[in-house]
């Protein structure tokens, strides 16, 4: 099976992963996109485990105010470098987390990671975390969050 540059670019646009990683996964999956994405997800998990010990002393706090100011949340996400903290993908990840937290109100980070992503139930928040780690090449940690509700 011949892997075209268009095949690689489609998956790269969707995942943001490296061209060579995508090409290798496409070859292993014999061009099957679904199998390729599964291989890439497994690879991202392995990379995540390797990076888990790295210090995460940079990051951002995301905020979201909902229902005309009747509820709000703050989410702290840490990464290794200020460069990644300023990255658009990292910023978008935090925005998605704030929407998830305000909508689903998990008890803690552990529960949050297990929740289905509200915009795509085929993925969990843990899967999104693996994806952003694979894209940035850094250890990223959802440190904490808090939800405020008027009257509570």
C-alpha atoms as a PDB file:
ATOM      1  CA  UNK A   1       0.000   0.000   0.000  1.00  0.00           C
ATOM      2  CA  UNK A   2       1.318   3.420  -0.955  1.00  0.00           C
ATOM      3  CA  UNK A   3       0.861   6.148   1.620  1.00  0.00           C
ATOM      4  CA  UNK A   4       0.256   9.554   0.056  1.00  0.00           C
ATOM      5  CA  UNK A   5       1.234  12.904   1.471  1.00  0.00           C
ATOM      6  CA  UNK A   6      -2.464  13.851   1.432  1.00  0.00           C
ATOM      7  CA  UNK A   7      -3.276  10.906   3.738  1.00  0.00           C
ATOM      8  CA  UNK A   8      -0.591  12.028   6.154  1.00  0.00           C
ATOM      9  CA  UNK A   9      -1.648  15.685   6.017  1.00  0.00           C
ATOM     10  CA  UNK A  10      -5.314  14.856   6.715  1.00  0.00           C
ATOM     11  CA  UNK A  11      -4.375  13.035   9.905  1.00  0.00           C
ATOM     12  CA  UNK A  12      -1.797  15.669  10.825  1.00  0.00           C
ATOM     13  CA  UNK A  13      -4.433  18.398  10.518  1.00  0.00           C
ATOM     14  CA  UNK A  14      -6.779  16.387  12.733  1.00  0.00           C
ATOM     15  CA  UNK A  15      -4.242  15.363  15.387  1.00  0.00           C
ATOM     16  CA  UNK A  16      -1.339  17.802  15.150  1.00  0.00           C
ATOM     17  CA  UNK A  17       1.104  14.906  15.495  1.00  0.00           C
ATOM     18  CA  UNK A  18       4.424  14.536  13.701  1.00  0.00           C
ATOM     19  CA  UNK A  19       4.536  13.563  10.031  1.00  0.00           C
ATOM     20  CA  UNK A  20       6.877  10.603  10.564  1.00  0.00           C
ATOM     21  CA  UNK A  21       4.784   9.219  13.428  1.00  0.00           C
ATOM     22  CA  UNK A  22       1.674   9.428  11.255  1.00  0.00           C
ATOM     23  CA  UNK A  23       3.386   7.865   8.251  1.00  0.00           C
ATOM     24  CA  UNK A  24       4.683   4.975  10.359  1.00  0.00           C
ATOM     25  CA  UNK A  25       1.228   4.402  11.893  1.00  0.00           C
ATOM     26  CA  UNK A  26      -0.457   4.548   8.457  1.00  0.00           C
ATOM     27  CA  UNK A  27       1.983   1.957   7.125  1.00  0.00           C
ATOM     28  CA  UNK A  28       1.400  -0.277  10.142  1.00  0.00           C
ATOM     29  CA  UNK A  29      -2.382   0.044   9.694  1.00  0.00           C
ATOM     30  CA  UNK A  30      -2.082  -0.530   5.923  1.00  0.00           C
ATOM     31  CA  UNK A  31      -3.783   2.789   5.204  1.00  0.00           C
ATOM     32  CA  UNK A  32      -6.820   2.218   7.465  1.00  0.00           C
ATOM     33  CA  UNK A  33      -7.518   5.608   9.091  1.00  0.00           C
ATOM     34  CA  UNK A  34      -9.390   4.195  12.099  1.00  0.00           C
ATOM     35  CA  UNK A  35      -6.563   1.757  12.909  1.00  0.00           C
ATOM     36  CA  UNK A  36      -4.008   4.525  12.349  1.00  0.00           C
ATOM     37  CA  UNK A  37      -5.709   6.786  14.895  1.00  0.00           C
ATOM     38  CA  UNK A  38      -5.803   3.916  17.401  1.00  0.00           C
ATOM     39  CA  UNK A  39      -2.074   3.243  16.907  1.00  0.00           C
ATOM     40  CA  UNK A  40      -1.327   6.959  17.338  1.00  0.00           C
ATOM     41  CA  UNK A  41      -3.436   7.101  20.520  1.00  0.00           C
ATOM     42  CA  UNK A  42      -1.538   4.149  22.000  1.00  0.00           C
ATOM     43  CA  UNK A  43       1.743   5.788  21.059  1.00  0.00           C
ATOM     44  CA  UNK A  44       0.630   9.027  22.713  1.00  0.00           C
ATOM     45  CA  UNK A  45      -0.128   7.088  25.898  1.00  0.00           C
ATOM     46  CA  UNK A  46       3.367   5.618  25.905  1.00  0.00           C
ATOM     47  CA  UNK A  47       4.898   9.061  25.385  1.00  0.00           C
ATOM     48  CA  UNK A  48       2.736  10.414  28.208  1.00  0.00           C
ATOM     49  CA  UNK A  49       4.078   7.759  30.579  1.00  0.00           C
ATOM     50  CA  UNK A  50       7.681   8.616  29.647  1.00  0.00           C
ATOM     51  CA  UNK A  51       7.098  12.325  30.341  1.00  0.00           C
ATOM     52  CA  UNK A  52       5.143  11.829  33.575  1.00  0.00           C
ATOM     53  CA  UNK A  53       8.149  12.456  35.822  1.00  0.00           C
ATOM     54  CA  UNK A  54       9.085  15.808  34.309  1.00  0.00           C
ATOM     55  CA  UNK A  55       8.484  18.929  36.395  1.00  0.00           C
ATOM     56  CA  UNK A  56       5.513  21.079  35.399  1.00  0.00           C
ATOM     57  CA  UNK A  57       6.172  24.513  36.844  1.00  0.00           C
ATOM     58  CA  UNK A  58       4.632  26.632  34.074  1.00  0.00           C
ATOM     59  CA  UNK A  59       1.061  26.790  32.826  1.00  0.00           C
ATOM     60  CA  UNK A  60      -2.133  28.797  32.879  1.00  0.00           C
ATOM     61  CA  UNK A  61      -5.378  29.221  34.723  1.00  0.00           C
ATOM     62  CA  UNK A  62      -8.498  29.232  32.560  1.00  0.00           C
ATOM     63  CA  UNK A  63     -11.753  30.846  33.648  1.00  0.00           C
ATOM     64  CA  UNK A  64     -15.313  30.513  32.426  1.00  0.00           C
ATOM     65  CA  UNK A  65     -18.374  32.414  33.628  1.00  0.00           C
ATOM     66  CA  UNK A  66     -21.741  30.842  32.847  1.00  0.00           C
ATOM     67  CA  UNK A  67     -25.451  31.586  33.126  1.00  0.00           C
ATOM     68  CA  UNK A  68     -25.138  35.380  33.333  1.00  0.00           C
ATOM     69  CA  UNK A  69     -22.644  35.199  36.175  1.00  0.00           C
ATOM     70  CA  UNK A  70     -24.527  32.681  38.295  1.00  0.00           C
ATOM     71  CA  UNK A  71     -21.770  30.077  38.009  1.00  0.00           C
ATOM     72  CA  UNK A  72     -18.095  30.101  37.134  1.00  0.00           C
ATOM     73  CA  UNK A  73     -15.048  27.877  37.193  1.00  0.00           C
ATOM     74  CA  UNK A  74     -11.276  28.164  37.282  1.00  0.00           C
ATOM     75  CA  UNK A  75      -9.012  25.424  35.958  1.00  0.00           C
ATOM     76  CA  UNK A  76      -5.228  25.271  36.493  1.00  0.00           C
ATOM     77  CA  UNK A  77      -3.213  23.315  33.935  1.00  0.00           C
ATOM     78  CA  UNK A  78       0.559  23.004  34.254  1.00  0.00           C
ATOM     79  CA  UNK A  79       3.215  22.302  31.638  1.00  0.00           C
ATOM     80  CA  UNK A  80       7.014  22.252  31.479  1.00  0.00           C
ATOM     81  CA  UNK A  81       7.740  25.500  29.627  1.00  0.00           C
ATOM     82  CA  UNK A  82       6.312  28.975  29.186  1.00  0.00           C
ATOM     83  CA  UNK A  83       6.581  28.416  25.434  1.00  0.00           C
ATOM     84  CA  UNK A  84       3.917  25.673  25.571  1.00  0.00           C
ATOM     85  CA  UNK A  85       1.820  27.674  28.056  1.00  0.00           C
ATOM     86  CA  UNK A  86       1.477  30.338  25.334  1.00  0.00           C
ATOM     87  CA  UNK A  87       0.736  27.765  22.594  1.00  0.00           C
ATOM     88  CA  UNK A  88      -2.696  28.028  20.926  1.00  0.00           C
ATOM     89  CA  UNK A  89      -3.368  24.275  21.300  1.00  0.00           C
ATOM     90  CA  UNK A  90      -2.625  24.466  25.030  1.00  0.00           C
ATOM     91  CA  UNK A  91      -4.881  27.507  25.444  1.00  0.00           C
ATOM     92  CA  UNK A  92      -7.697  25.786  23.526  1.00  0.00           C
ATOM     93  CA  UNK A  93      -7.291  22.676  25.696  1.00  0.00           C
ATOM     94  CA  UNK A  94      -7.798  24.792  28.825  1.00  0.00           C
ATOM     95  CA  UNK A  95     -10.878  26.431  27.293  1.00  0.00           C
ATOM     96  CA  UNK A  96     -12.367  22.995  26.562  1.00  0.00           C
ATOM     97  CA  UNK A  97     -11.625  21.940  30.143  1.00  0.00           C
ATOM     98  CA  UNK A  98     -13.432  24.949  31.603  1.00  0.00           C
ATOM     99  CA  UNK A  99     -16.515  24.132  29.521  1.00  0.00           C
ATOM    100  CA  UNK A 100     -16.321  20.490  30.624  1.00  0.00           C
ATOM    101  CA  UNK A 101     -15.977  21.365  34.304  1.00  0.00           C
ATOM    102  CA  UNK A 102     -18.813  23.911  34.332  1.00  0.00           C
ATOM    103  CA  UNK A 103     -21.095  21.489  32.465  1.00  0.00           C
ATOM    104  CA  UNK A 104     -20.305  18.188  34.169  1.00  0.00           C
ATOM    105  CA  UNK A 105     -19.129  19.360  37.612  1.00  0.00           C
ATOM    106  CA  UNK A 106     -16.714  16.522  38.402  1.00  0.00           C
ATOM    107  CA  UNK A 107     -15.671  16.046  42.057  1.00  0.00           C
ATOM    108  CA  UNK A 108     -11.950  16.002  41.354  1.00  0.00           C
ATOM    109  CA  UNK A 109      -9.322  15.730  38.616  1.00  0.00           C
ATOM    110  CA  UNK A 110      -9.402  11.923  38.709  1.00  0.00           C
ATOM    111  CA  UNK A 111     -13.144  11.919  37.924  1.00  0.00           C
ATOM    112  CA  UNK A 112     -12.668  14.624  35.275  1.00  0.00           C
ATOM    113  CA  UNK A 113     -10.101  12.512  33.402  1.00  0.00           C
ATOM    114  CA  UNK A 114     -12.580   9.616  33.175  1.00  0.00           C
ATOM    115  CA  UNK A 115     -15.485  11.717  31.890  1.00  0.00           C
ATOM    116  CA  UNK A 116     -16.588  11.583  28.266  1.00  0.00           C
ATOM    117  CA  UNK A 117     -15.709  14.801  26.483  1.00  0.00           C
ATOM    118  CA  UNK A 118     -18.929  16.820  26.075  1.00  0.00           C
ATOM    119  CA  UNK A 119     -18.122  17.730  22.456  1.00  0.00           C
ATOM    120  CA  UNK A 120     -17.127  14.183  21.375  1.00  0.00           C
ATOM    121  CA  UNK A 121     -18.292  11.266  23.498  1.00  0.00           C
ATOM    122  CA  UNK A 122     -15.902   8.901  21.706  1.00  0.00           C
ATOM    123  CA  UNK A 123     -13.091  10.544  23.718  1.00  0.00           C
ATOM    124  CA  UNK A 124     -12.522  11.054  27.414  1.00  0.00           C
ATOM    125  CA  UNK A 125     -10.815  14.063  28.965  1.00  0.00           C
ATOM    126  CA  UNK A 126      -7.896  11.695  29.621  1.00  0.00           C
ATOM    127  CA  UNK A 127      -7.722  11.063  25.861  1.00  0.00           C
ATOM    128  CA  UNK A 128      -7.641  14.824  25.206  1.00  0.00           C
ATOM    129  CA  UNK A 129      -4.823  15.152  27.724  1.00  0.00           C
ATOM    130  CA  UNK A 130      -2.848  12.438  25.902  1.00  0.00           C
ATOM    131  CA  UNK A 131      -3.419  14.239  22.605  1.00  0.00           C
ATOM    132  CA  UNK A 132      -2.146  17.592  23.888  1.00  0.00           C
ATOM    133  CA  UNK A 133       0.893  15.896  25.433  1.00  0.00           C
ATOM    134  CA  UNK A 134       1.636  14.232  22.093  1.00  0.00           C
ATOM    135  CA  UNK A 135       1.191  17.516  20.205  1.00  0.00           C
ATOM    136  CA  UNK A 136       3.376  19.610  22.500  1.00  0.00           C
ATOM    137  CA  UNK A 137       5.944  16.995  23.489  1.00  0.00           C
ATOM    138  CA  UNK A 138       5.736  18.098  27.123  1.00  0.00           C
ATOM    139  CA  UNK A 139       4.362  16.718  30.352  1.00  0.00           C
ATOM    140  CA  UNK A 140       1.029  18.418  31.023  1.00  0.00           C
ATOM    141  CA  UNK A 141      -0.960  18.065  34.228  1.00  0.00           C
ATOM    142  CA  UNK A 142      -4.487  19.189  35.083  1.00  0.00           C
ATOM    143  CA  UNK A 143      -3.567  20.456  38.533  1.00  0.00           C
ATOM    144  CA  UNK A 144      -6.888  21.561  40.038  1.00  0.00           C
ATOM    145  CA  UNK A 145     -10.185  23.273  39.440  1.00  0.00           C
ATOM    146  CA  UNK A 146     -12.936  24.995  41.387  1.00  0.00           C
ATOM    147  CA  UNK A 147     -16.574  25.705  40.551  1.00  0.00           C
ATOM    148  CA  UNK A 148     -18.503  28.607  42.075  1.00  0.00           C
ATOM    149  CA  UNK A 149     -22.319  28.779  42.129  1.00  0.00           C
ATOM    150  CA  UNK A 150     -24.353  31.714  43.442  1.00  0.00           C
ATOM    151  CA  UNK A 151     -26.075  30.658  46.645  1.00  0.00           C
ATOM    152  CA  UNK A 152     -23.751  27.772  47.507  1.00  0.00           C
END
